[in-house]
Amino acid sequence: MSTLKWSATNADGLLADLDLPPAAYRALLKLRARSEAGGRIAMDQGTLGELLGLSRPSVNAALRELELAKLVKKVRNGVYQINPMLAGYNSPEDALDAVKAMPKADRLDSKTYVKDYHRAVAAYQDQLAEQRKKRAAAAKKAAAAKRRGSLHAVS
């Protein structure tokens, strides 16, 4: 368990405003509890799922929500980074330095942060809908080609 004492901000109210799915909140809390100073977490999705009692698809969905909210970022498979404004640090100075060094676009104290999150979720949902349409059209085209291929001339 983490023994970190300092965080750059108390974001509890902000996180409540996001209205994340319950699995995303649980994943965030578990990741924060298991993170190193600065917010790095070396944990694969299977392990996170076991710790939370969630299936792999549920863990994937939770992590996707956290990424859309800019709360957790995937560095590579099995390695994640908590937003510097939420991560724990060994000292207040480390926390402030990390926040100062982060890109402004990733900051949680933007006046449009919650709206930006909701826009990101809507854009992601639109992207999924477009992918479903493309898959359905391809399946329909393949079925039509299969029907045409099975037709033959009768003499």
C-alpha atoms as a PDB file:
ATOM      1  CA  MET A   1       0.000   0.000   0.000  1.00  0.00           C
ATOM      2  CA  SER A   2       1.042   3.528  -0.693  1.00  0.00           C
ATOM      3  CA  THR A   3       2.498   5.634   2.121  1.00  0.00           C
ATOM      4  CA  LEU A   4       2.340   8.865   0.126  1.00  0.00           C
ATOM      5  CA  LYS A   5       1.118  11.868   2.068  1.00  0.00           C
ATOM      6  CA  TRP A   6       0.842  14.774  -0.337  1.00  0.00           C
ATOM      7  CA  SER A   7      -1.390  15.495  -3.285  1.00  0.00           C
ATOM      8  CA  ALA A   8      -1.473  18.696  -5.310  1.00  0.00           C
ATOM      9  CA  THR A   9      -5.205  19.121  -4.972  1.00  0.00           C
ATOM     10  CA  ASN A  10      -8.303  17.812  -3.271  1.00  0.00           C
ATOM     11  CA  ALA A  11     -10.317  16.821  -6.308  1.00  0.00           C
ATOM     12  CA  ASP A  12     -13.129  14.898  -4.606  1.00  0.00           C
ATOM     13  CA  GLY A  13     -15.793  17.447  -5.555  1.00  0.00           C
ATOM     14  CA  LEU A  14     -14.538  17.617  -9.121  1.00  0.00           C
ATOM     15  CA  LEU A  15     -14.556  13.831  -9.457  1.00  0.00           C
ATOM     16  CA  ALA A  16     -18.118  13.717  -8.176  1.00  0.00           C
ATOM     17  CA  ASP A  17     -19.136  16.216 -10.884  1.00  0.00           C
ATOM     18  CA  LEU A  18     -17.847  13.895 -13.613  1.00  0.00           C
ATOM     19  CA  ASP A  19     -20.446  11.239 -12.782  1.00  0.00           C
ATOM     20  CA  LEU A  20     -18.114   8.413 -13.789  1.00  0.00           C
ATOM     21  CA  PRO A  21     -19.382   4.834 -13.780  1.00  0.00           C
ATOM     22  CA  PRO A  22     -18.879   3.136 -10.387  1.00  0.00           C
ATOM     23  CA  ALA A  23     -16.208   0.766 -11.760  1.00  0.00           C
ATOM     24  CA  ALA A  24     -14.136   3.759 -12.903  1.00  0.00           C
ATOM     25  CA  TYR A  25     -14.218   5.331  -9.426  1.00  0.00           C
ATOM     26  CA  ARG A  26     -13.227   2.009  -7.861  1.00  0.00           C
ATOM     27  CA  ALA A  27     -10.395   1.548 -10.360  1.00  0.00           C
ATOM     28  CA  LEU A  28      -9.098   5.067  -9.727  1.00  0.00           C
ATOM     29  CA  LEU A  29      -9.080   4.585  -5.969  1.00  0.00           C
ATOM     30  CA  LYS A  30      -7.293   1.227  -6.256  1.00  0.00           C
ATOM     31  CA  LEU A  31      -4.726   2.642  -8.695  1.00  0.00           C
ATOM     32  CA  ARG A  32      -4.058   5.629  -6.427  1.00  0.00           C
ATOM     33  CA  ALA A  33      -3.622   3.333  -3.443  1.00  0.00           C
ATOM     34  CA  ARG A  34      -1.109   1.179  -5.334  1.00  0.00           C
ATOM     35  CA  SER A  35       0.809   3.970  -7.074  1.00  0.00           C
ATOM     36  CA  GLU A  36       4.404   5.056  -6.597  1.00  0.00           C
ATOM     37  CA  ALA A  37       5.336   8.615  -5.678  1.00  0.00           C
ATOM     38  CA  GLY A  38       4.397  10.699  -8.704  1.00  0.00           C
ATOM     39  CA  GLY A  39       1.507   8.458  -9.724  1.00  0.00           C
ATOM     40  CA  ARG A  40       3.150   5.669 -11.731  1.00  0.00           C
ATOM     41  CA  ILE A  41       1.436   2.281 -11.460  1.00  0.00           C
ATOM     42  CA  ALA A  42       2.826  -0.977 -12.797  1.00  0.00           C
ATOM     43  CA  MET A  43      -0.236  -3.206 -12.907  1.00  0.00           C
ATOM     44  CA  ASP A  44      -1.878  -5.080 -15.750  1.00  0.00           C
ATOM     45  CA  GLN A  45      -5.601  -5.079 -16.373  1.00  0.00           C
ATOM     46  CA  GLY A  46      -5.974  -8.675 -15.215  1.00  0.00           C
ATOM     47  CA  THR A  47      -4.465  -7.868 -11.829  1.00  0.00           C
ATOM     48  CA  LEU A  48      -6.640  -4.772 -11.460  1.00  0.00           C
ATOM     49  CA  GLY A  49      -9.679  -6.865 -12.352  1.00  0.00           C
ATOM     50  CA  GLU A  50      -8.783  -9.445  -9.689  1.00  0.00           C
ATOM     51  CA  LEU A  51      -8.300  -6.746  -7.048  1.00  0.00           C
ATOM     52  CA  LEU A  52     -11.677  -5.208  -7.873  1.00  0.00           C
ATOM     53  CA  GLY A  53     -13.573  -8.410  -8.668  1.00  0.00           C
ATOM     54  CA  LEU A  54     -14.289  -7.151 -12.199  1.00  0.00           C
ATOM     55  CA  SER A  55     -14.157  -8.831 -15.591  1.00  0.00           C
ATOM     56  CA  ARG A  56     -11.568  -7.759 -18.161  1.00  0.00           C
ATOM     57  CA  PRO A  57     -14.175  -5.907 -20.285  1.00  0.00           C
ATOM     58  CA  SER A  58     -15.334  -4.020 -17.174  1.00  0.00           C
ATOM     59  CA  VAL A  59     -11.747  -3.071 -16.308  1.00  0.00           C
ATOM     60  CA  ASN A  60     -11.140  -1.953 -19.902  1.00  0.00           C
ATOM     61  CA  ALA A  61     -14.259   0.217 -19.812  1.00  0.00           C
ATOM     62  CA  ALA A  62     -13.291   1.705 -16.428  1.00  0.00           C
ATOM     63  CA  LEU A  63      -9.785   2.567 -17.625  1.00  0.00           C
ATOM     64  CA  ARG A  64     -11.201   4.066 -20.838  1.00  0.00           C
ATOM     65  CA  GLU A  65     -13.431   6.359 -18.761  1.00  0.00           C
ATOM     66  CA  LEU A  66     -10.446   7.395 -16.641  1.00  0.00           C
ATOM     67  CA  GLU A  67      -8.440   8.149 -19.780  1.00  0.00           C
ATOM     68  CA  LEU A  68     -11.277  10.179 -21.307  1.00  0.00           C
ATOM     69  CA  ALA A  69     -11.416  12.143 -18.054  1.00  0.00           C
ATOM     70  CA  LYS A  70      -7.620  12.658 -18.144  1.00  0.00           C
ATOM     71  CA  LEU A  71      -7.341  11.095 -14.701  1.00  0.00           C
ATOM     72  CA  VAL A  72      -5.198   8.128 -15.728  1.00  0.00           C
ATOM     73  CA  LYS A  73      -3.052   7.720 -18.801  1.00  0.00           C
ATOM     74  CA  LYS A  74      -1.806   4.447 -20.259  1.00  0.00           C
ATOM     75  CA  VAL A  75       1.970   4.652 -20.677  1.00  0.00           C
ATOM     76  CA  ARG A  76       2.261   1.147 -22.148  1.00  0.00           C
ATOM     77  CA  ASN A  77       0.770  -2.274 -21.439  1.00  0.00           C
ATOM     78  CA  GLY A  78       0.747  -2.781 -17.694  1.00  0.00           C
ATOM     79  CA  VAL A  79       1.965   0.740 -16.845  1.00  0.00           C
ATOM     80  CA  TYR A  80      -0.303   3.676 -16.091  1.00  0.00           C
ATOM     81  CA  GLN A  81       0.223   7.228 -14.888  1.00  0.00           C
ATOM     82  CA  ILE A  82      -2.191   9.054 -12.594  1.00  0.00           C
ATOM     83  CA  ASN A  83      -2.783  12.702 -13.442  1.00  0.00           C
ATOM     84  CA  PRO A  84      -0.140  14.718 -11.544  1.00  0.00           C
ATOM     85  CA  MET A  85      -2.887  16.710  -9.834  1.00  0.00           C
ATOM     86  CA  LEU A  86      -4.257  13.501  -8.244  1.00  0.00           C
ATOM     87  CA  ALA A  87      -1.065  11.552  -7.678  1.00  0.00           C
ATOM     88  CA  GLY A  88       0.537  11.228  -4.280  1.00  0.00           C
ATOM     89  CA  TYR A  89       3.992  12.614  -3.543  1.00  0.00           C
ATOM     90  CA  ASN A  90       6.565  12.447  -0.800  1.00  0.00           C
ATOM     91  CA  SER A  91       6.484  16.206  -0.180  1.00  0.00           C
ATOM     92  CA  PRO A  92       4.347  19.253  -1.001  1.00  0.00           C
ATOM     93  CA  GLU A  93       7.231  20.633  -3.074  1.00  0.00           C
ATOM     94  CA  ASP A  94       7.265  17.501  -5.254  1.00  0.00           C
ATOM     95  CA  ALA A  95       3.514  17.827  -5.762  1.00  0.00           C
ATOM     96  CA  LEU A  96       3.744  21.482  -6.804  1.00  0.00           C
ATOM     97  CA  ASP A  97       6.694  20.836  -9.124  1.00  0.00           C
ATOM     98  CA  ALA A  98       4.799  18.025 -10.879  1.00  0.00           C
ATOM     99  CA  VAL A  99       1.736  20.194 -11.433  1.00  0.00           C
ATOM    100  CA  LYS A 100       3.831  23.080 -12.739  1.00  0.00           C
ATOM    101  CA  ALA A 101       5.533  20.722 -15.220  1.00  0.00           C
ATOM    102  CA  MET A 102       2.340  19.186 -16.605  1.00  0.00           C
ATOM    103  CA  PRO A 103       0.687  20.318 -19.858  1.00  0.00           C
ATOM    104  CA  LYS A 104      -2.066  22.861 -19.247  1.00  0.00           C
ATOM    105  CA  ALA A 105      -4.458  20.748 -21.344  1.00  0.00           C
ATOM    106  CA  ASP A 106      -4.260  17.951 -18.749  1.00  0.00           C
ATOM    107  CA  ARG A 107      -4.988  20.140 -15.739  1.00  0.00           C
ATOM    108  CA  LEU A 108      -8.078  19.405 -13.686  1.00  0.00           C
ATOM    109  CA  ASP A 109      -8.596  23.012 -12.565  1.00  0.00           C
ATOM    110  CA  SER A 110      -9.770  24.274 -15.957  1.00  0.00           C
ATOM    111  CA  LYS A 111     -13.177  25.952 -15.851  1.00  0.00           C
ATOM    112  CA  THR A 112     -14.266  23.720 -18.754  1.00  0.00           C
ATOM    113  CA  TYR A 113     -12.819  20.465 -17.413  1.00  0.00           C
ATOM    114  CA  VAL A 114     -16.164  18.720 -16.743  1.00  0.00           C
ATOM    115  CA  LYS A 115     -17.625  19.931 -20.054  1.00  0.00           C
ATOM    116  CA  ASP A 116     -14.480  18.782 -21.859  1.00  0.00           C
ATOM    117  CA  TYR A 117     -14.873  15.336 -20.304  1.00  0.00           C
ATOM    118  CA  HIS A 118     -18.492  15.084 -21.416  1.00  0.00           C
ATOM    119  CA  ARG A 119     -17.471  16.203 -24.931  1.00  0.00           C
ATOM    120  CA  ALA A 120     -14.750  13.542 -25.011  1.00  0.00           C
ATOM    121  CA  VAL A 121     -17.246  10.864 -23.958  1.00  0.00           C
ATOM    122  CA  ALA A 122     -19.722  12.002 -26.641  1.00  0.00           C
ATOM    123  CA  ALA A 123     -16.978  11.975 -29.292  1.00  0.00           C
ATOM    124  CA  TYR A 124     -15.943   8.488 -28.218  1.00  0.00           C
ATOM    125  CA  GLN A 125     -19.565   7.276 -28.384  1.00  0.00           C
ATOM    126  CA  ASP A 126     -19.882   8.795 -31.877  1.00  0.00           C
ATOM    127  CA  GLN A 127     -16.697   7.001 -32.923  1.00  0.00           C
ATOM    128  CA  LEU A 128     -18.077   3.687 -31.644  1.00  0.00           C
ATOM    129  CA  ALA A 129     -21.366   4.242 -33.486  1.00  0.00           C
ATOM    130  CA  GLU A 130     -19.481   4.963 -36.723  1.00  0.00           C
ATOM    131  CA  GLN A 131     -17.423   1.788 -36.291  1.00  0.00           C
ATOM    132  CA  ARG A 132     -20.623  -0.233 -35.720  1.00  0.00           C
ATOM    133  CA  LYS A 133     -22.128   1.218 -38.909  1.00  0.00           C
ATOM    134  CA  LYS A 134     -19.012   0.311 -40.912  1.00  0.00           C
ATOM    135  CA  ARG A 135     -18.988  -3.236 -39.532  1.00  0.00           C
ATOM    136  CA  ALA A 136     -22.698  -3.660 -40.285  1.00  0.00           C
ATOM    137  CA  ALA A 137     -22.237  -2.364 -43.845  1.00  0.00           C
ATOM    138  CA  ALA A 138     -19.269  -4.695 -44.398  1.00  0.00           C
ATOM    139  CA  ALA A 139     -21.223  -7.664 -43.041  1.00  0.00           C
ATOM    140  CA  LYS A 140     -24.188  -6.810 -45.276  1.00  0.00           C
ATOM    141  CA  LYS A 141     -21.894  -6.511 -48.295  1.00  0.00           C
ATOM    142  CA  ALA A 142     -20.217  -9.841 -47.493  1.00  0.00           C
ATOM    143  CA  ALA A 143     -23.590 -11.563 -47.102  1.00  0.00           C
ATOM    144  CA  ALA A 144     -24.772 -10.174 -50.448  1.00  0.00           C
ATOM    145  CA  ALA A 145     -21.556 -11.339 -52.136  1.00  0.00           C
ATOM    146  CA  LYS A 146     -21.992 -14.790 -50.617  1.00  0.00           C
ATOM    147  CA  ARG A 147     -25.580 -14.978 -51.910  1.00  0.00           C
ATOM    148  CA  ARG A 148     -24.463 -13.921 -55.396  1.00  0.00           C
ATOM    149  CA  GLY A 149     -21.648 -16.458 -55.329  1.00  0.00           C
ATOM    150  CA  SER A 150     -24.038 -19.274 -54.508  1.00  0.00           C
ATOM    151  CA  LEU A 151     -26.340 -18.467 -57.428  1.00  0.00           C
ATOM    152  CA  HIS A 152     -25.666 -20.402 -60.602  1.00  0.00           C
ATOM    153  CA  ALA A 153     -27.244 -20.591 -64.002  1.00  0.00           C
ATOM    154  CA  VAL A 154     -29.670 -23.423 -64.642  1.00  0.00           C
ATOM    155  CA  SER A 155     -29.979 -24.762 -68.195  1.00  0.00           C
END
